[in-house]
Amino acid sequence: MIPQLEEKKRPVRVAARRQREMMAILRDHLNNESAEWLDVDEIDLDHQGQQQTLNATAMMPVIDNIQQWATTPWEDA
């Protein structure tokens, strides 16, 4: 019996990571998106996909003070 090669899935983006898995946002032929936990070996991460993930992480705000971050600007001090 000839082993069949599984085609790797190309995600729209990677939403989360844990150990050897990634939550991949996948798009089907009808442009519907779904999230799936996949093994890293099942995902096709080309250079562009990795760069998008790095850019998304770099854009996340760094919260130094949670109380200051949680206050609303329209409240009187």
PDB file of N, CA and C in Angstrom:
ATOM      1  N   MET A   1       0.846  -1.178   0.000  1.00  0.00           N
ATOM      2  CA  MET A   1       0.000   0.000   0.000  1.00  0.00           C
ATOM      3  C   MET A   1       0.891   1.240   0.000  1.00  0.00           C
ATOM      4  N   ILE A   2       0.581   2.189  -0.839  1.00  0.00           N
ATOM      5  CA  ILE A   2       1.370   3.411  -0.960  1.00  0.00           C
ATOM      6  C   ILE A   2       0.854   4.442   0.043  1.00  0.00           C
ATOM      7  N   PRO A   3       1.744   4.958   0.904  1.00  0.00           N
ATOM      8  CA  PRO A   3       1.290   5.984   1.852  1.00  0.00           C
ATOM      9  C   PRO A   3       0.961   7.280   1.113  1.00  0.00           C
ATOM     10  N   GLN A   4      -0.178   7.858   1.452  1.00  0.00           N
ATOM     11  CA  GLN A   4      -0.574   9.105   0.813  1.00  0.00           C
ATOM     12  C   GLN A   4      -0.024  10.278   1.606  1.00  0.00           C
ATOM     13  N   LEU A   5       0.482  11.240   0.875  1.00  0.00           N
ATOM     14  CA  LEU A   5       0.995  12.437   1.511  1.00  0.00           C
ATOM     15  C   LEU A   5      -0.163  13.365   1.842  1.00  0.00           C
ATOM     16  N   GLU A   6      -0.211  13.781   3.088  1.00  0.00           N
ATOM     17  CA  GLU A   6      -1.263  14.709   3.480  1.00  0.00           C
ATOM     18  C   GLU A   6      -0.861  16.113   3.070  1.00  0.00           C
ATOM     19  N   GLU A   7      -1.809  16.826   2.533  1.00  0.00           N
ATOM     20  CA  GLU A   7      -1.544  18.198   2.143  1.00  0.00           C
ATOM     21  C   GLU A   7      -1.622  19.078   3.388  1.00  0.00           C
ATOM     22  N   LYS A   8      -0.621  19.927   3.564  1.00  0.00           N
ATOM     23  CA  LYS A   8      -0.619  20.817   4.719  1.00  0.00           C
ATOM     24  C   LYS A   8      -1.656  21.917   4.526  1.00  0.00           C
ATOM     25  N   LYS A   9      -2.247  22.342   5.629  1.00  0.00           N
ATOM     26  CA  LYS A   9      -3.257  23.386   5.568  1.00  0.00           C
ATOM     27  C   LYS A   9      -2.583  24.744   5.692  1.00  0.00           C
ATOM     28  N   ARG A  10      -3.033  25.684   4.882  1.00  0.00           N
ATOM     29  CA  ARG A  10      -2.485  27.035   4.917  1.00  0.00           C
ATOM     30  C   ARG A  10      -3.492  27.946   5.622  1.00  0.00           C
ATOM     31  N   PRO A  11      -3.190  28.368   6.837  1.00  0.00           N
ATOM     32  CA  PRO A  11      -4.150  29.195   7.583  1.00  0.00           C
ATOM     33  C   PRO A  11      -4.152  30.642   7.103  1.00  0.00           C
ATOM     34  N   VAL A  12      -5.266  31.318   7.380  1.00  0.00           N
ATOM     35  CA  VAL A  12      -5.354  32.754   7.133  1.00  0.00           C
ATOM     36  C   VAL A  12      -4.444  33.451   8.132  1.00  0.00           C
ATOM     37  N   ARG A  13      -4.495  32.971   9.370  1.00  0.00           N
ATOM     38  CA  ARG A  13      -3.614  33.475  10.427  1.00  0.00           C
ATOM     39  C   ARG A  13      -3.558  32.452  11.552  1.00  0.00           C
ATOM     40  N   VAL A  14      -2.595  32.623  12.423  1.00  0.00           N
ATOM     41  CA  VAL A  14      -2.469  31.772  13.601  1.00  0.00           C
ATOM     42  C   VAL A  14      -2.970  32.587  14.784  1.00  0.00           C
ATOM     43  N   ALA A  15      -4.009  32.078  15.453  1.00  0.00           N
ATOM     44  CA  ALA A  15      -4.633  32.817  16.546  1.00  0.00           C
ATOM     45  C   ALA A  15      -3.977  32.548  17.896  1.00  0.00           C
ATOM     46  N   ALA A  16      -3.468  31.331  18.095  1.00  0.00           N
ATOM     47  CA  ALA A  16      -2.858  30.989  19.384  1.00  0.00           C
ATOM     48  C   ALA A  16      -1.878  29.839  19.183  1.00  0.00           C
ATOM     49  N   ARG A  17      -1.020  29.671  20.165  1.00  0.00           N
ATOM     50  CA  ARG A  17      -0.034  28.582  20.122  1.00  0.00           C
ATOM     51  C   ARG A  17       0.018  27.913  21.480  1.00  0.00           C
ATOM     52  N   ARG A  18       0.283  26.619  21.452  1.00  0.00           N
ATOM     53  CA  ARG A  18       0.556  25.866  22.681  1.00  0.00           C
ATOM     54  C   ARG A  18       1.428  24.686  22.306  1.00  0.00           C
ATOM     55  N   GLN A  19       2.469  24.483  23.009  1.00  0.00           N
ATOM     56  CA  GLN A  19       3.454  23.427  22.781  1.00  0.00           C
ATOM     57  C   GLN A  19       3.642  23.114  21.301  1.00  0.00           C
ATOM     58  N   ARG A  20       3.133  22.011  20.802  1.00  0.00           N
ATOM     59  CA  ARG A  20       3.336  21.613  19.398  1.00  0.00           C
ATOM     60  C   ARG A  20       2.071  21.813  18.574  1.00  0.00           C
ATOM     61  N   GLU A  21       1.166  22.665  19.046  1.00  0.00           N
ATOM     62  CA  GLU A  21      -0.078  22.922  18.328  1.00  0.00           C
ATOM     63  C   GLU A  21      -0.272  24.413  18.104  1.00  0.00           C
ATOM     64  N   MET A  22      -1.069  24.720  17.092  1.00  0.00           N
ATOM     65  CA  MET A  22      -1.433  26.104  16.806  1.00  0.00           C
ATOM     66  C   MET A  22      -2.917  26.158  16.491  1.00  0.00           C
ATOM     67  N   MET A  23      -3.580  27.210  16.970  1.00  0.00           N
ATOM     68  CA  MET A  23      -4.966  27.428  16.577  1.00  0.00           C
ATOM     69  C   MET A  23      -4.924  28.210  15.277  1.00  0.00           C
ATOM     70  N   ALA A  24      -5.283  27.528  14.204  1.00  0.00           N
ATOM     71  CA  ALA A  24      -5.220  28.125  12.877  1.00  0.00           C
ATOM     72  C   ALA A  24      -6.610  28.574  12.448  1.00  0.00           C
ATOM     73  N   ILE A  25      -6.670  29.774  11.923  1.00  0.00           N
ATOM     74  CA  ILE A  25      -7.908  30.270  11.329  1.00  0.00           C
ATOM     75  C   ILE A  25      -7.863  29.868   9.856  1.00  0.00           C
ATOM     76  N   LEU A  26      -8.808  29.017   9.465  1.00  0.00           N
ATOM     77  CA  LEU A  26      -8.840  28.484   8.110  1.00  0.00           C
ATOM     78  C   LEU A  26     -10.031  29.062   7.351  1.00  0.00           C
ATOM     79  N   ARG A  27      -9.876  29.217   6.053  1.00  0.00           N
ATOM     80  CA  ARG A  27     -10.958  29.735   5.202  1.00  0.00           C
ATOM     81  C   ARG A  27     -11.296  28.664   4.172  1.00  0.00           C
ATOM     82  N   ASP A  28     -12.594  28.367   4.044  1.00  0.00           N
ATOM     83  CA  ASP A  28     -13.013  27.364   3.058  1.00  0.00           C
ATOM     84  C   ASP A  28     -13.339  28.026   1.720  1.00  0.00           C
ATOM     85  N   HIS A  29     -13.809  27.225   0.779  1.00  0.00           N
ATOM     86  CA  HIS A  29     -14.079  27.726  -0.575  1.00  0.00           C
ATOM     87  C   HIS A  29     -15.224  28.738  -0.626  1.00  0.00           C
ATOM     88  N   LEU A  30     -16.032  28.822   0.423  1.00  0.00           N
ATOM     89  CA  LEU A  30     -17.121  29.803   0.483  1.00  0.00           C
ATOM     90  C   LEU A  30     -16.742  31.042   1.293  1.00  0.00           C
ATOM     91  N   ASN A  31     -15.464  31.162   1.631  1.00  0.00           N
ATOM     92  CA  ASN A  31     -14.914  32.260   2.439  1.00  0.00           C
ATOM     93  C   ASN A  31     -15.404  32.260   3.882  1.00  0.00           C
ATOM     94  N   ASN A  32     -15.893  31.126   4.363  1.00  0.00           N
ATOM     95  CA  ASN A  32     -16.236  30.998   5.773  1.00  0.00           C
ATOM     96  C   ASN A  32     -14.959  30.690   6.543  1.00  0.00           C
ATOM     97  N   GLU A  33     -14.822  31.291   7.718  1.00  0.00           N
ATOM     98  CA  GLU A  33     -13.636  31.046   8.539  1.00  0.00           C
ATOM     99  C   GLU A  33     -13.988  30.150   9.710  1.00  0.00           C
ATOM    100  N   SER A  34     -13.055  29.292  10.073  1.00  0.00           N
ATOM    101  CA  SER A  34     -13.208  28.434  11.237  1.00  0.00           C
ATOM    102  C   SER A  34     -11.859  28.318  11.932  1.00  0.00           C
ATOM    103  N   ALA A  35     -11.904  28.052  13.226  1.00  0.00           N
ATOM    104  CA  ALA A  35     -10.676  27.897  14.008  1.00  0.00           C
ATOM    105  C   ALA A  35     -10.500  26.429  14.353  1.00  0.00           C
ATOM    106  N   GLU A  36      -9.263  25.953  14.236  1.00  0.00           N
ATOM    107  CA  GLU A  36      -8.954  24.552  14.495  1.00  0.00           C
ATOM    108  C   GLU A  36      -7.594  24.437  15.159  1.00  0.00           C
ATOM    109  N   TRP A  37      -7.494  23.589  16.187  1.00  0.00           N
ATOM    110  CA  TRP A  37      -6.191  23.273  16.762  1.00  0.00           C
ATOM    111  C   TRP A  37      -5.544  22.237  15.864  1.00  0.00           C
ATOM    112  N   LEU A  38      -4.373  22.558  15.335  1.00  0.00           N
ATOM    113  CA  LEU A  38      -3.648  21.649  14.449  1.00  0.00           C
ATOM    114  C   LEU A  38      -2.221  21.454  14.950  1.00  0.00           C
ATOM    115  N   ASP A  39      -1.677  20.283  14.694  1.00  0.00           N
ATOM    116  CA  ASP A  39      -0.282  20.004  15.000  1.00  0.00           C
ATOM    117  C   ASP A  39       0.584  20.884  14.084  1.00  0.00           C
ATOM    118  N   VAL A  40       1.709  21.351  14.557  1.00  0.00           N
ATOM    119  CA  VAL A  40       2.553  22.240  13.754  1.00  0.00           C
ATOM    120  C   VAL A  40       3.009  21.587  12.452  1.00  0.00           C
ATOM    121  N   ASP A  41       3.076  20.261  12.429  1.00  0.00           N
ATOM    122  CA  ASP A  41       3.482  19.555  11.211  1.00  0.00           C
ATOM    123  C   ASP A  41       2.397  19.561  10.140  1.00  0.00           C
ATOM    124  N   GLU A  42       1.160  19.880  10.516  1.00  0.00           N
ATOM    125  CA  GLU A  42       0.035  19.890   9.579  1.00  0.00           C
ATOM    126  C   GLU A  42      -0.193  21.259   8.946  1.00  0.00           C
ATOM    127  N   ILE A  43       0.570  22.261   9.372  1.00  0.00           N
ATOM    128  CA  ILE A  43       0.334  23.635   8.938  1.00  0.00           C
ATOM    129  C   ILE A  43       1.455  24.084   8.015  1.00  0.00           C
ATOM    130  N   ASP A  44       1.071  24.731   6.921  1.00  0.00           N
ATOM    131  CA  ASP A  44       2.036  25.284   5.973  1.00  0.00           C
ATOM    132  C   ASP A  44       2.238  26.758   6.322  1.00  0.00           C
ATOM    133  N   LEU A  45       3.353  27.047   6.960  1.00  0.00           N
ATOM    134  CA  LEU A  45       3.678  28.427   7.315  1.00  0.00           C
ATOM    135  C   LEU A  45       4.791  28.903   6.402  1.00  0.00           C
ATOM    136  N   ASP A  46       4.409  29.600   5.358  1.00  0.00           N
ATOM    137  CA  ASP A  46       5.431  30.173   4.486  1.00  0.00           C
ATOM    138  C   ASP A  46       5.981  31.428   5.161  1.00  0.00           C
ATOM    139  N   HIS A  47       6.963  32.035   4.563  1.00  0.00           N
ATOM    140  CA  HIS A  47       7.602  33.209   5.162  1.00  0.00           C
ATOM    141  C   HIS A  47       6.608  34.345   5.398  1.00  0.00           C
ATOM    142  N   GLN A  48       5.701  34.558   4.468  1.00  0.00           N
ATOM    143  CA  GLN A  48       4.724  35.645   4.594  1.00  0.00           C
ATOM    144  C   GLN A  48       3.797  35.411   5.783  1.00  0.00           C
ATOM    145  N   GLY A  49       3.338  34.176   5.972  1.00  0.00           N
ATOM    146  CA  GLY A  49       2.458  33.861   7.084  1.00  0.00           C
ATOM    147  C   GLY A  49       3.140  34.076   8.420  1.00  0.00           C
ATOM    148  N   GLN A  50       4.408  33.699   8.517  1.00  0.00           N
ATOM    149  CA  GLN A  50       5.162  33.907   9.743  1.00  0.00           C
ATOM    150  C   GLN A  50       5.343  35.391  10.004  1.00  0.00           C
ATOM    151  N   GLN A  51       5.588  36.166   8.950  1.00  0.00           N
ATOM    152  CA  GLN A  51       5.782  37.604   9.110  1.00  0.00           C
ATOM    153  C   GLN A  51       4.496  38.262   9.597  1.00  0.00           C
ATOM    154  N   GLN A  52       3.330  37.831   9.100  1.00  0.00           N
ATOM    155  CA  GLN A  52       2.059  38.389   9.544  1.00  0.00           C
ATOM    156  C   GLN A  52       1.846  38.095  11.022  1.00  0.00           C
ATOM    157  N   THR A  53       2.201  36.888  11.463  1.00  0.00           N
ATOM    158  CA  THR A  53       2.059  36.535  12.868  1.00  0.00           C
ATOM    159  C   THR A  53       2.957  37.401  13.727  1.00  0.00           C
ATOM    160  N   LEU A  54       4.196  37.609  13.288  1.00  0.00           N
ATOM    161  CA  LEU A  54       5.112  38.454  14.048  1.00  0.00           C
ATOM    162  C   LEU A  54       4.618  39.896  14.105  1.00  0.00           C
ATOM    163  N   ASN A  55       4.099  40.419  13.003  1.00  0.00           N
ATOM    164  CA  ASN A  55       3.582  41.780  12.987  1.00  0.00           C
ATOM    165  C   ASN A  55       2.378  41.927  13.901  1.00  0.00           C
ATOM    166  N   ALA A  56       1.501  40.949  13.929  1.00  0.00           N
ATOM    167  CA  ALA A  56       0.319  41.005  14.794  1.00  0.00           C
ATOM    168  C   ALA A  56       0.744  41.013  16.260  1.00  0.00           C
ATOM    169  N   THR A  57       1.769  40.231  16.598  1.00  0.00           N
ATOM    170  CA  THR A  57       2.257  40.200  17.967  1.00  0.00           C
ATOM    171  C   THR A  57       2.910  41.522  18.326  1.00  0.00           C
ATOM    172  N   ALA A  58       3.633  42.131  17.409  1.00  0.00           N
ATOM    173  CA  ALA A  58       4.316  43.396  17.674  1.00  0.00           C
ATOM    174  C   ALA A  58       3.327  44.536  17.871  1.00  0.00           C
ATOM    175  N   MET A  59       2.139  44.432  17.303  1.00  0.00           N
ATOM    176  CA  MET A  59       1.147  45.497  17.409  1.00  0.00           C
ATOM    177  C   MET A  59       0.363  45.444  18.721  1.00  0.00           C
ATOM    178  N   MET A  60       0.517  44.399  19.507  1.00  0.00           N
ATOM    179  CA  MET A  60      -0.230  44.275  20.748  1.00  0.00           C
ATOM    180  C   MET A  60       0.315  45.278  21.768  1.00  0.00           C
ATOM    181  N   PRO A  61      -0.566  45.970  22.485  1.00  0.00           N
ATOM    182  CA  PRO A  61      -0.100  46.961  23.455  1.00  0.00           C
ATOM    183  C   PRO A  61       0.534  46.297  24.678  1.00  0.00           C
ATOM    184  N   VAL A  62       1.524  46.952  25.226  1.00  0.00           N
ATOM    185  CA  VAL A  62       2.162  46.490  26.446  1.00  0.00           C
ATOM    186  C   VAL A  62       1.526  47.261  27.598  1.00  0.00           C
ATOM    187  N   ILE A  63       0.961  46.540  28.562  1.00  0.00           N
ATOM    188  CA  ILE A  63       0.281  47.162  29.690  1.00  0.00           C
ATOM    189  C   ILE A  63       1.233  47.150  30.873  1.00  0.00           C
ATOM    190  N   ASP A  64       1.707  48.336  31.261  1.00  0.00           N
ATOM    191  CA  ASP A  64       2.608  48.449  32.402  1.00  0.00           C
ATOM    192  C   ASP A  64       1.847  48.580  33.717  1.00  0.00           C
ATOM    193  N   ASN A  65       0.726  49.285  33.688  1.00  0.00           N
ATOM    194  CA  ASN A  65      -0.052  49.537  34.887  1.00  0.00           C
ATOM    195  C   ASN A  65      -1.516  49.229  34.575  1.00  0.00           C
ATOM    196  N   ILE A  66      -2.050  48.152  35.137  1.00  0.00           N
ATOM    197  CA  ILE A  66      -3.407  47.710  34.821  1.00  0.00           C
ATOM    198  C   ILE A  66      -4.456  48.714  35.285  1.00  0.00           C
ATOM    199  N   GLN A  67      -4.236  49.375  36.417  1.00  0.00           N
ATOM    200  CA  GLN A  67      -5.214  50.353  36.903  1.00  0.00           C
ATOM    201  C   GLN A  67      -5.286  51.557  35.970  1.00  0.00           C
ATOM    202  N   GLN A  68      -4.151  52.037  35.531  1.00  0.00           N
ATOM    203  CA  GLN A  68      -4.120  53.169  34.616  1.00  0.00           C
ATOM    204  C   GLN A  68      -4.727  52.778  33.270  1.00  0.00           C
ATOM    205  N   TRP A  69      -4.475  51.563  32.803  1.00  0.00           N
ATOM    206  CA  TRP A  69      -4.996  51.100  31.523  1.00  0.00           C
ATOM    207  C   TRP A  69      -6.518  50.939  31.567  1.00  0.00           C
ATOM    208  N   ALA A  70      -7.050  50.519  32.740  1.00  0.00           N
ATOM    209  CA  ALA A  70      -8.482  50.252  32.871  1.00  0.00           C
ATOM    210  C   ALA A  70      -9.318  51.510  33.089  1.00  0.00           C
ATOM    211  N   THR A  71      -8.690  52.622  33.447  1.00  0.00           N
ATOM    212  CA  THR A  71      -9.477  53.837  33.662  1.00  0.00           C
ATOM    213  C   THR A  71      -9.951  54.389  32.336  1.00  0.00           C
ATOM    214  N   THR A  72     -11.120  54.990  32.357  1.00  0.00           N
ATOM    215  CA  THR A  72     -11.658  55.595  31.142  1.00  0.00           C
ATOM    216  C   THR A  72     -11.262  57.062  31.092  1.00  0.00           C
ATOM    217  N   PRO A  73     -10.956  57.602  29.937  1.00  0.00           N
ATOM    218  CA  PRO A  73     -10.473  58.973  29.839  1.00  0.00           C
ATOM    219  C   PRO A  73     -11.546  60.021  30.149  1.00  0.00           C
ATOM    220  N   TRP A  74     -12.816  59.649  30.118  1.00  0.00           N
ATOM    221  CA  TRP A  74     -13.864  60.640  30.346  1.00  0.00           C
ATOM    222  C   TRP A  74     -14.318  60.706  31.794  1.00  0.00           C
ATOM    223  N   GLU A  75     -13.719  59.937  32.688  1.00  0.00           N
ATOM    224  CA  GLU A  75     -14.046  60.027  34.117  1.00  0.00           C
ATOM    225  C   GLU A  75     -13.283  61.188  34.739  1.00  0.00           C
ATOM    226  N   ASP A  76     -13.941  61.883  35.689  1.00  0.00           N
ATOM    227  CA  ASP A  76     -13.240  62.934  36.440  1.00  0.00           C
ATOM    228  C   ASP A  76     -12.349  62.293  37.478  1.00  0.00           C
ATOM    229  N   ALA A  77     -11.139  62.800  37.580  1.00  0.00           N
ATOM    230  CA  ALA A  77     -10.168  62.238  38.511  1.00  0.00           C
ATOM    231  C   ALA A  77     -10.409  62.707  39.912  1.00  0.00           C
TER     232      ALA A  77
END
